[in-house]
Amino acid sequence: MTIPLLPTLHTLPATLPLEGAIRIELQEGTPIFRASSSVQNRIEILLLKQQDSQLTTEEEQELDSYEEIDDYLSFLNRIVRNIDQNQNTTIK
């Protein structure tokens, strides 16, 4: 079994709150990591601005950093789901 490489985070956005940036939800008993509402709102603002006009270089970097964080959280969620599924399969 090949274990995928952990995505690399190069920087965190300056606007990312150090506390309260991530929330944990339960889906069918499995913890899932999600960006907080405030982080999601900031991403939405940047995406809307990107549609209407040009983002500044700093805003583009910020949006790229949020995309890296999203990739990282998605990776963690896949790992957690796989572990949960494997445990449930071996228990049955």
PDB file of N, CA and C in Angstrom:
ATOM      1  N   MET A   1       0.849  -1.180   0.000  1.00  0.00           N
ATOM      2  CA  MET A   1       0.000   0.000   0.000  1.00  0.00           C
ATOM      3  C   MET A   1       0.893   1.241   0.000  1.00  0.00           C
ATOM      4  N   THR A   2       0.675   2.118  -0.937  1.00  0.00           N
ATOM      5  CA  THR A   2       1.434   3.351  -1.033  1.00  0.00           C
ATOM      6  C   THR A   2       0.733   4.444  -0.240  1.00  0.00           C
ATOM      7  N   ILE A   3       1.482   5.083   0.619  1.00  0.00           N
ATOM      8  CA  ILE A   3       0.927   6.176   1.408  1.00  0.00           C
ATOM      9  C   ILE A   3       1.199   7.468   0.658  1.00  0.00           C
ATOM     10  N   PRO A   4       0.138   8.238   0.349  1.00  0.00           N
ATOM     11  CA  PRO A   4       0.354   9.500  -0.373  1.00  0.00           C
ATOM     12  C   PRO A   4       1.137  10.486   0.480  1.00  0.00           C
ATOM     13  N   LEU A   5       1.854  11.358  -0.208  1.00  0.00           N
ATOM     14  CA  LEU A   5       2.638  12.372   0.486  1.00  0.00           C
ATOM     15  C   LEU A   5       1.732  13.431   1.079  1.00  0.00           C
ATOM     16  N   LEU A   6       2.095  13.879   2.252  1.00  0.00           N
ATOM     17  CA  LEU A   6       1.371  14.944   2.925  1.00  0.00           C
ATOM     18  C   LEU A   6       1.577  16.241   2.152  1.00  0.00           C
ATOM     19  N   PRO A   7       0.509  16.949   1.800  1.00  0.00           N
ATOM     20  CA  PRO A   7       0.685  18.230   1.100  1.00  0.00           C
ATOM     21  C   PRO A   7       1.530  19.186   1.934  1.00  0.00           C
ATOM     22  N   THR A   8       2.295  20.002   1.260  1.00  0.00           N
ATOM     23  CA  THR A   8       3.159  20.958   1.936  1.00  0.00           C
ATOM     24  C   THR A   8       2.482  22.314   1.995  1.00  0.00           C
ATOM     25  N   LEU A   9       2.457  22.904   3.162  1.00  0.00           N
ATOM     26  CA  LEU A   9       1.970  24.262   3.320  1.00  0.00           C
ATOM     27  C   LEU A   9       3.178  25.181   3.302  1.00  0.00           C
ATOM     28  N   HIS A  10       3.194  26.124   2.375  1.00  0.00           N
ATOM     29  CA  HIS A  10       4.333  27.020   2.248  1.00  0.00           C
ATOM     30  C   HIS A  10       4.208  28.234   3.165  1.00  0.00           C
ATOM     31  N   THR A  11       3.010  28.777   3.253  1.00  0.00           N
ATOM     32  CA  THR A  11       2.748  29.917   4.129  1.00  0.00           C
ATOM     33  C   THR A  11       1.300  29.864   4.580  1.00  0.00           C
ATOM     34  N   LEU A  12       1.019  30.579   5.624  1.00  0.00           N
ATOM     35  CA  LEU A  12      -0.359  30.768   6.060  1.00  0.00           C
ATOM     36  C   LEU A  12      -0.746  32.204   5.744  1.00  0.00           C
ATOM     37  N   PRO A  13      -1.987  32.428   5.323  1.00  0.00           N
ATOM     38  CA  PRO A  13      -2.404  33.801   5.049  1.00  0.00           C
ATOM     39  C   PRO A  13      -2.321  34.664   6.302  1.00  0.00           C
ATOM     40  N   ALA A  14      -1.907  35.900   6.130  1.00  0.00           N
ATOM     41  CA  ALA A  14      -1.809  36.818   7.270  1.00  0.00           C
ATOM     42  C   ALA A  14      -3.170  37.032   7.922  1.00  0.00           C
ATOM     43  N   THR A  15      -4.242  36.886   7.134  1.00  0.00           N
ATOM     44  CA  THR A  15      -5.593  37.099   7.665  1.00  0.00           C
ATOM     45  C   THR A  15      -6.154  35.864   8.360  1.00  0.00           C
ATOM     46  N   LEU A  16      -5.430  34.749   8.292  1.00  0.00           N
ATOM     47  CA  LEU A  16      -5.917  33.528   8.932  1.00  0.00           C
ATOM     48  C   LEU A  16      -5.834  33.689  10.445  1.00  0.00           C
ATOM     49  N   PRO A  17      -6.978  33.598  11.131  1.00  0.00           N
ATOM     50  CA  PRO A  17      -6.908  33.704  12.591  1.00  0.00           C
ATOM     51  C   PRO A  17      -6.163  32.509  13.161  1.00  0.00           C
ATOM     52  N   LEU A  18      -5.313  32.745  14.130  1.00  0.00           N
ATOM     53  CA  LEU A  18      -4.546  31.656  14.721  1.00  0.00           C
ATOM     54  C   LEU A  18      -5.409  30.758  15.590  1.00  0.00           C
ATOM     55  N   GLU A  19      -6.507  31.291  16.085  1.00  0.00           N
ATOM     56  CA  GLU A  19      -7.455  30.490  16.850  1.00  0.00           C
ATOM     57  C   GLU A  19      -8.811  30.576  16.175  1.00  0.00           C
ATOM     58  N   GLY A  20      -9.507  29.476  16.146  1.00  0.00           N
ATOM     59  CA  GLY A  20     -10.850  29.462  15.574  1.00  0.00           C
ATOM     60  C   GLY A  20     -10.879  29.404  14.060  1.00  0.00           C
ATOM     61  N   ALA A  21      -9.781  29.032  13.426  1.00  0.00           N
ATOM     62  CA  ALA A  21      -9.743  28.974  11.962  1.00  0.00           C
ATOM     63  C   ALA A  21     -10.337  27.677  11.425  1.00  0.00           C
ATOM     64  N   ILE A  22     -10.350  26.654  12.272  1.00  0.00           N
ATOM     65  CA  ILE A  22     -10.816  25.341  11.838  1.00  0.00           C
ATOM     66  C   ILE A  22     -11.873  24.849  12.816  1.00  0.00           C
ATOM     67  N   ARG A  23     -12.886  24.210  12.263  1.00  0.00           N
ATOM     68  CA  ARG A  23     -13.878  23.586  13.136  1.00  0.00           C
ATOM     69  C   ARG A  23     -13.929  22.103  12.807  1.00  0.00           C
ATOM     70  N   ILE A  24     -14.392  21.338  13.752  1.00  0.00           N
ATOM     71  CA  ILE A  24     -14.509  19.895  13.572  1.00  0.00           C
ATOM     72  C   ILE A  24     -15.982  19.538  13.610  1.00  0.00           C
ATOM     73  N   GLU A  25     -16.420  18.828  12.582  1.00  0.00           N
ATOM     74  CA  GLU A  25     -17.803  18.353  12.506  1.00  0.00           C
ATOM     75  C   GLU A  25     -17.784  16.833  12.531  1.00  0.00           C
ATOM     76  N   LEU A  26     -18.851  16.252  13.012  1.00  0.00           N
ATOM     77  CA  LEU A  26     -18.986  14.800  12.941  1.00  0.00           C
ATOM     78  C   LEU A  26     -19.881  14.431  11.778  1.00  0.00           C
ATOM     79  N   GLN A  27     -19.396  13.536  10.946  1.00  0.00           N
ATOM     80  CA  GLN A  27     -20.196  12.991   9.858  1.00  0.00           C
ATOM     81  C   GLN A  27     -20.205  11.484  10.028  1.00  0.00           C
ATOM     82  N   GLU A  28     -21.367  10.968  10.384  1.00  0.00           N
ATOM     83  CA  GLU A  28     -21.524   9.540  10.626  1.00  0.00           C
ATOM     84  C   GLU A  28     -20.499   9.031  11.630  1.00  0.00           C
ATOM     85  N   GLY A  29     -20.257   9.834  12.665  1.00  0.00           N
ATOM     86  CA  GLY A  29     -19.340   9.450  13.727  1.00  0.00           C
ATOM     87  C   GLY A  29     -17.875   9.691  13.429  1.00  0.00           C
ATOM     88  N   THR A  30     -17.555  10.223  12.264  1.00  0.00           N
ATOM     89  CA  THR A  30     -16.170  10.487  11.887  1.00  0.00           C
ATOM     90  C   THR A  30     -15.912  11.987  11.961  1.00  0.00           C
ATOM     91  N   PRO A  31     -14.842  12.406  12.649  1.00  0.00           N
ATOM     92  CA  PRO A  31     -14.531  13.843  12.702  1.00  0.00           C
ATOM     93  C   PRO A  31     -14.024  14.339  11.342  1.00  0.00           C
ATOM     94  N   ILE A  32     -14.559  15.447  10.907  1.00  0.00           N
ATOM     95  CA  ILE A  32     -14.172  16.072   9.636  1.00  0.00           C
ATOM     96  C   ILE A  32     -13.730  17.499   9.937  1.00  0.00           C
ATOM     97  N   PHE A  33     -12.575  17.877   9.388  1.00  0.00           N
ATOM     98  CA  PHE A  33     -12.015  19.204   9.596  1.00  0.00           C
ATOM     99  C   PHE A  33     -12.490  20.144   8.496  1.00  0.00           C
ATOM    100  N   ARG A  34     -12.990  21.303   8.894  1.00  0.00           N
ATOM    101  CA  ARG A  34     -13.488  22.311   7.950  1.00  0.00           C
ATOM    102  C   ARG A  34     -12.960  23.681   8.362  1.00  0.00           C
ATOM    103  N   ALA A  35     -12.867  24.565   7.386  1.00  0.00           N
ATOM    104  CA  ALA A  35     -12.523  25.955   7.682  1.00  0.00           C
ATOM    105  C   ALA A  35     -13.688  26.580   8.441  1.00  0.00           C
ATOM    106  N   SER A  36     -13.374  27.474   9.354  1.00  0.00           N
ATOM    107  CA  SER A  36     -14.415  28.145  10.127  1.00  0.00           C
ATOM    108  C   SER A  36     -15.232  29.057   9.224  1.00  0.00           C
ATOM    109  N   SER A  37     -16.362  29.508   9.725  1.00  0.00           N
ATOM    110  CA  SER A  37     -17.235  30.410   8.961  1.00  0.00           C
ATOM    111  C   SER A  37     -16.508  31.694   8.582  1.00  0.00           C
ATOM    112  N   SER A  38     -15.702  32.231   9.495  1.00  0.00           N
ATOM    113  CA  SER A  38     -14.995  33.485   9.186  1.00  0.00           C
ATOM    114  C   SER A  38     -13.980  33.276   8.058  1.00  0.00           C
ATOM    115  N   VAL A  39     -13.297  32.138   8.049  1.00  0.00           N
ATOM    116  CA  VAL A  39     -12.345  31.846   6.974  1.00  0.00           C
ATOM    117  C   VAL A  39     -13.096  31.634   5.663  1.00  0.00           C
ATOM    118  N   GLN A  40     -14.201  30.901   5.712  1.00  0.00           N
ATOM    119  CA  GLN A  40     -15.004  30.682   4.503  1.00  0.00           C
ATOM    120  C   GLN A  40     -15.526  32.003   3.948  1.00  0.00           C
ATOM    121  N   ASN A  41     -15.944  32.910   4.831  1.00  0.00           N
ATOM    122  CA  ASN A  41     -16.415  34.229   4.384  1.00  0.00           C
ATOM    123  C   ASN A  41     -15.305  35.004   3.687  1.00  0.00           C
ATOM    124  N   ARG A  42     -14.094  34.954   4.234  1.00  0.00           N
ATOM    125  CA  ARG A  42     -12.964  35.653   3.618  1.00  0.00           C
ATOM    126  C   ARG A  42     -12.659  35.082   2.233  1.00  0.00           C
ATOM    127  N   ILE A  43     -12.695  33.771   2.103  1.00  0.00           N
ATOM    128  CA  ILE A  43     -12.456  33.136   0.805  1.00  0.00           C
ATOM    129  C   ILE A  43     -13.529  33.568  -0.189  1.00  0.00           C
ATOM    130  N   GLU A  44     -14.772  33.592   0.260  1.00  0.00           N
ATOM    131  CA  GLU A  44     -15.873  34.001  -0.613  1.00  0.00           C
ATOM    132  C   GLU A  44     -15.694  35.445  -1.082  1.00  0.00           C
ATOM    133  N   ILE A  45     -15.277  36.327  -0.171  1.00  0.00           N
ATOM    134  CA  ILE A  45     -15.027  37.726  -0.535  1.00  0.00           C
ATOM    135  C   ILE A  45     -13.957  37.808  -1.620  1.00  0.00           C
ATOM    136  N   LEU A  46     -12.879  37.057  -1.423  1.00  0.00           N
ATOM    137  CA  LEU A  46     -11.802  37.071  -2.411  1.00  0.00           C
ATOM    138  C   LEU A  46     -12.255  36.505  -3.759  1.00  0.00           C
ATOM    139  N   LEU A  47     -13.034  35.445  -3.735  1.00  0.00           N
ATOM    140  CA  LEU A  47     -13.517  34.857  -4.988  1.00  0.00           C
ATOM    141  C   LEU A  47     -14.471  35.797  -5.724  1.00  0.00           C
ATOM    142  N   LEU A  48     -15.343  36.468  -4.965  1.00  0.00           N
ATOM    143  CA  LEU A  48     -16.250  37.436  -5.595  1.00  0.00           C
ATOM    144  C   LEU A  48     -15.475  38.601  -6.192  1.00  0.00           C
ATOM    145  N   LYS A  49     -14.486  39.088  -5.473  1.00  0.00           N
ATOM    146  CA  LYS A  49     -13.663  40.182  -5.983  1.00  0.00           C
ATOM    147  C   LYS A  49     -12.913  39.736  -7.235  1.00  0.00           C
ATOM    148  N   GLN A  50     -12.454  38.489  -7.228  1.00  0.00           N
ATOM    149  CA  GLN A  50     -11.730  37.957  -8.378  1.00  0.00           C
ATOM    150  C   GLN A  50     -12.619  37.922  -9.625  1.00  0.00           C
ATOM    151  N   GLN A  51     -13.915  37.658  -9.443  1.00  0.00           N
ATOM    152  CA  GLN A  51     -14.861  37.638 -10.560  1.00  0.00           C
ATOM    153  C   GLN A  51     -15.144  39.041 -11.077  1.00  0.00           C
ATOM    154  N   ASP A  52     -15.215  40.005 -10.166  1.00  0.00           N
ATOM    155  CA  ASP A  52     -15.599  41.367 -10.530  1.00  0.00           C
ATOM    156  C   ASP A  52     -14.428  42.217 -10.994  1.00  0.00           C
ATOM    157  N   SER A  53     -13.255  41.978 -10.438  1.00  0.00           N
ATOM    158  CA  SER A  53     -12.088  42.792 -10.769  1.00  0.00           C
ATOM    159  C   SER A  53     -10.821  41.989 -10.523  1.00  0.00           C
ATOM    160  N   GLN A  54      -9.716  42.631 -10.627  1.00  0.00           N
ATOM    161  CA  GLN A  54      -8.419  41.982 -10.430  1.00  0.00           C
ATOM    162  C   GLN A  54      -8.043  42.000  -8.950  1.00  0.00           C
ATOM    163  N   LEU A  55      -7.553  40.875  -8.476  1.00  0.00           N
ATOM    164  CA  LEU A  55      -7.041  40.819  -7.110  1.00  0.00           C
ATOM    165  C   LEU A  55      -5.645  41.429  -7.074  1.00  0.00           C
ATOM    166  N   THR A  56      -5.301  42.001  -5.935  1.00  0.00           N
ATOM    167  CA  THR A  56      -3.931  42.471  -5.754  1.00  0.00           C
ATOM    168  C   THR A  56      -3.018  41.248  -5.631  1.00  0.00           C
ATOM    169  N   THR A  57      -1.746  41.457  -5.745  1.00  0.00           N
ATOM    170  CA  THR A  57      -0.780  40.363  -5.601  1.00  0.00           C
ATOM    171  C   THR A  57      -0.915  39.713  -4.231  1.00  0.00           C
ATOM    172  N   GLU A  58      -1.092  40.537  -3.204  1.00  0.00           N
ATOM    173  CA  GLU A  58      -1.247  40.011  -1.847  1.00  0.00           C
ATOM    174  C   GLU A  58      -2.514  39.171  -1.719  1.00  0.00           C
ATOM    175  N   GLU A  59      -3.597  39.630  -2.340  1.00  0.00           N
ATOM    176  CA  GLU A  59      -4.860  38.884  -2.284  1.00  0.00           C
ATOM    177  C   GLU A  59      -4.743  37.565  -3.040  1.00  0.00           C
ATOM    178  N   GLU A  60      -4.045  37.572  -4.170  1.00  0.00           N
ATOM    179  CA  GLU A  60      -3.835  36.331  -4.915  1.00  0.00           C
ATOM    180  C   GLU A  60      -3.037  35.335  -4.080  1.00  0.00           C
ATOM    181  N   GLN A  61      -2.001  35.815  -3.409  1.00  0.00           N
ATOM    182  CA  GLN A  61      -1.203  34.946  -2.549  1.00  0.00           C
ATOM    183  C   GLN A  61      -2.038  34.413  -1.386  1.00  0.00           C
ATOM    184  N   GLU A  62      -2.882  35.283  -0.846  1.00  0.00           N
ATOM    185  CA  GLU A  62      -3.761  34.871   0.253  1.00  0.00           C
ATOM    186  C   GLU A  62      -4.700  33.763  -0.214  1.00  0.00           C
ATOM    187  N   LEU A  63      -5.319  33.960  -1.378  1.00  0.00           N
ATOM    188  CA  LEU A  63      -6.243  32.970  -1.917  1.00  0.00           C
ATOM    189  C   LEU A  63      -5.513  31.662  -2.214  1.00  0.00           C
ATOM    190  N   ASP A  64      -4.303  31.746  -2.752  1.00  0.00           N
ATOM    191  CA  ASP A  64      -3.495  30.546  -2.997  1.00  0.00           C
ATOM    192  C   ASP A  64      -3.191  29.811  -1.696  1.00  0.00           C
ATOM    193  N   SER A  65      -2.900  30.567  -0.650  1.00  0.00           N
ATOM    194  CA  SER A  65      -2.614  29.950   0.653  1.00  0.00           C
ATOM    195  C   SER A  65      -3.846  29.250   1.201  1.00  0.00           C
ATOM    196  N   TYR A  66      -5.010  29.856   1.024  1.00  0.00           N
ATOM    197  CA  TYR A  66      -6.241  29.205   1.470  1.00  0.00           C
ATOM    198  C   TYR A  66      -6.484  27.921   0.685  1.00  0.00           C
ATOM    199  N   GLU A  67      -6.145  27.932  -0.593  1.00  0.00           N
ATOM    200  CA  GLU A  67      -6.300  26.726  -1.409  1.00  0.00           C
ATOM    201  C   GLU A  67      -5.372  25.615  -0.897  1.00  0.00           C
ATOM    202  N   GLU A  68      -4.150  25.969  -0.512  1.00  0.00           N
ATOM    203  CA  GLU A  68      -3.226  24.987   0.053  1.00  0.00           C
ATOM    204  C   GLU A  68      -3.775  24.415   1.363  1.00  0.00           C
ATOM    205  N   ILE A  69      -4.349  25.276   2.188  1.00  0.00           N
ATOM    206  CA  ILE A  69      -4.931  24.818   3.454  1.00  0.00           C
ATOM    207  C   ILE A  69      -6.098  23.875   3.178  1.00  0.00           C
ATOM    208  N   ASP A  70      -6.915  24.214   2.188  1.00  0.00           N
ATOM    209  CA  ASP A  70      -8.038  23.358   1.818  1.00  0.00           C
ATOM    210  C   ASP A  70      -7.542  21.990   1.354  1.00  0.00           C
ATOM    211  N   ASP A  71      -6.486  21.980   0.539  1.00  0.00           N
ATOM    212  CA  ASP A  71      -5.901  20.703   0.104  1.00  0.00           C
ATOM    213  C   ASP A  71      -5.416  19.892   1.308  1.00  0.00           C
ATOM    214  N   TYR A  72      -4.793  20.561   2.251  1.00  0.00           N
ATOM    215  CA  TYR A  72      -4.269  19.911   3.454  1.00  0.00           C
ATOM    216  C   TYR A  72      -5.403  19.306   4.279  1.00  0.00           C
ATOM    217  N   LEU A  73      -6.454  20.087   4.498  1.00  0.00           N
ATOM    218  CA  LEU A  73      -7.594  19.588   5.271  1.00  0.00           C
ATOM    219  C   LEU A  73      -8.277  18.432   4.550  1.00  0.00           C
ATOM    220  N   SER A  74      -8.396  18.524   3.233  1.00  0.00           N
ATOM    221  CA  SER A  74      -8.994  17.437   2.451  1.00  0.00           C
ATOM    222  C   SER A  74      -8.185  16.158   2.605  1.00  0.00           C
ATOM    223  N   PHE A  75      -6.856  16.309   2.575  1.00  0.00           N
ATOM    224  CA  PHE A  75      -5.980  15.161   2.766  1.00  0.00           C
ATOM    225  C   PHE A  75      -6.200  14.541   4.149  1.00  0.00           C
ATOM    226  N   LEU A  76      -6.211  15.370   5.181  1.00  0.00           N
ATOM    227  CA  LEU A  76      -6.443  14.867   6.539  1.00  0.00           C
ATOM    228  C   LEU A  76      -7.791  14.166   6.648  1.00  0.00           C
ATOM    229  N   ASN A  77      -8.814  14.752   6.035  1.00  0.00           N
ATOM    230  CA  ASN A  77     -10.147  14.145   6.076  1.00  0.00           C
ATOM    231  C   ASN A  77     -10.167  12.787   5.380  1.00  0.00           C
ATOM    232  N   ARG A  78      -9.461  12.662   4.262  1.00  0.00           N
ATOM    233  CA  ARG A  78      -9.383  11.369   3.569  1.00  0.00           C
ATOM    234  C   ARG A  78      -8.691  10.329   4.448  1.00  0.00           C
ATOM    235  N   ILE A  79      -7.605  10.735   5.103  1.00  0.00           N
ATOM    236  CA  ILE A  79      -6.880   9.816   5.986  1.00  0.00           C
ATOM    237  C   ILE A  79      -7.791   9.354   7.125  1.00  0.00           C
ATOM    238  N   VAL A  80      -8.478  10.298   7.754  1.00  0.00           N
ATOM    239  CA  VAL A  80      -9.371   9.960   8.870  1.00  0.00           C
ATOM    240  C   VAL A  80     -10.483   9.030   8.398  1.00  0.00           C
ATOM    241  N   ARG A  81     -11.083   9.320   7.242  1.00  0.00           N
ATOM    242  CA  ARG A  81     -12.150   8.458   6.716  1.00  0.00           C
ATOM    243  C   ARG A  81     -11.624   7.053   6.422  1.00  0.00           C
ATOM    244  N   ASN A  82     -10.431   6.982   5.801  1.00  0.00           N
ATOM    245  CA  ASN A  82      -9.853   5.672   5.482  1.00  0.00           C
ATOM    246  C   ASN A  82      -9.582   4.867   6.738  1.00  0.00           C
ATOM    247  N   ILE A  83      -9.029   5.503   7.751  1.00  0.00           N
ATOM    248  CA  ILE A  83      -8.771   4.807   9.021  1.00  0.00           C
ATOM    249  C   ILE A  83     -10.081   4.320   9.617  1.00  0.00           C
ATOM    250  N   ASP A  84     -11.094   5.189   9.612  1.00  0.00           N
ATOM    251  CA  ASP A  84     -12.396   4.830  10.166  1.00  0.00           C
ATOM    252  C   ASP A  84     -13.003   3.667   9.398  1.00  0.00           C
ATOM    253  N   GLN A  85     -12.939   3.718   8.077  1.00  0.00           N
ATOM    254  CA  GLN A  85     -13.504   2.628   7.263  1.00  0.00           C
ATOM    255  C   GLN A  85     -12.755   1.323   7.493  1.00  0.00           C
ATOM    256  N   ASN A  86     -11.416   1.390   7.598  1.00  0.00           N
ATOM    257  CA  ASN A  86     -10.634   0.183   7.837  1.00  0.00           C
ATOM    258  C   ASN A  86     -10.932  -0.415   9.199  1.00  0.00           C
ATOM    259  N   GLN A  87     -11.114   0.439  10.200  1.00  0.00           N
ATOM    260  CA  GLN A  87     -11.442  -0.065  11.535  1.00  0.00           C
ATOM    261  C   GLN A  87     -12.818  -0.711  11.537  1.00  0.00           C
ATOM    262  N   ASN A  88     -13.764  -0.077  10.862  1.00  0.00           N
ATOM    263  CA  ASN A  88     -15.124  -0.639  10.814  1.00  0.00           C
ATOM    264  C   ASN A  88     -15.165  -1.943  10.036  1.00  0.00           C
ATOM    265  N   THR A  89     -14.325  -2.070   9.017  1.00  0.00           N
ATOM    266  CA  THR A  89     -14.292  -3.292   8.225  1.00  0.00           C
ATOM    267  C   THR A  89     -13.685  -4.439   9.022  1.00  0.00           C
ATOM    268  N   THR A  90     -12.616  -4.170   9.766  1.00  0.00           N
ATOM    269  CA  THR A  90     -11.969  -5.234  10.532  1.00  0.00           C
ATOM    270  C   THR A  90     -12.778  -5.626  11.759  1.00  0.00           C
ATOM    271  N   ILE A  91     -13.605  -4.737  12.275  1.00  0.00           N
ATOM    272  CA  ILE A  91     -14.424  -5.043  13.451  1.00  0.00           C
ATOM    273  C   ILE A  91     -15.562  -5.980  13.082  1.00  0.00           C
ATOM    274  N   LYS A  92     -16.090  -5.841  11.881  1.00  0.00           N
ATOM    275  CA  LYS A  92     -17.263  -6.652  11.473  1.00  0.00           C
ATOM    276  C   LYS A  92     -16.931  -8.072  11.267  1.00  0.00           C
TER     277      LYS A  92
END
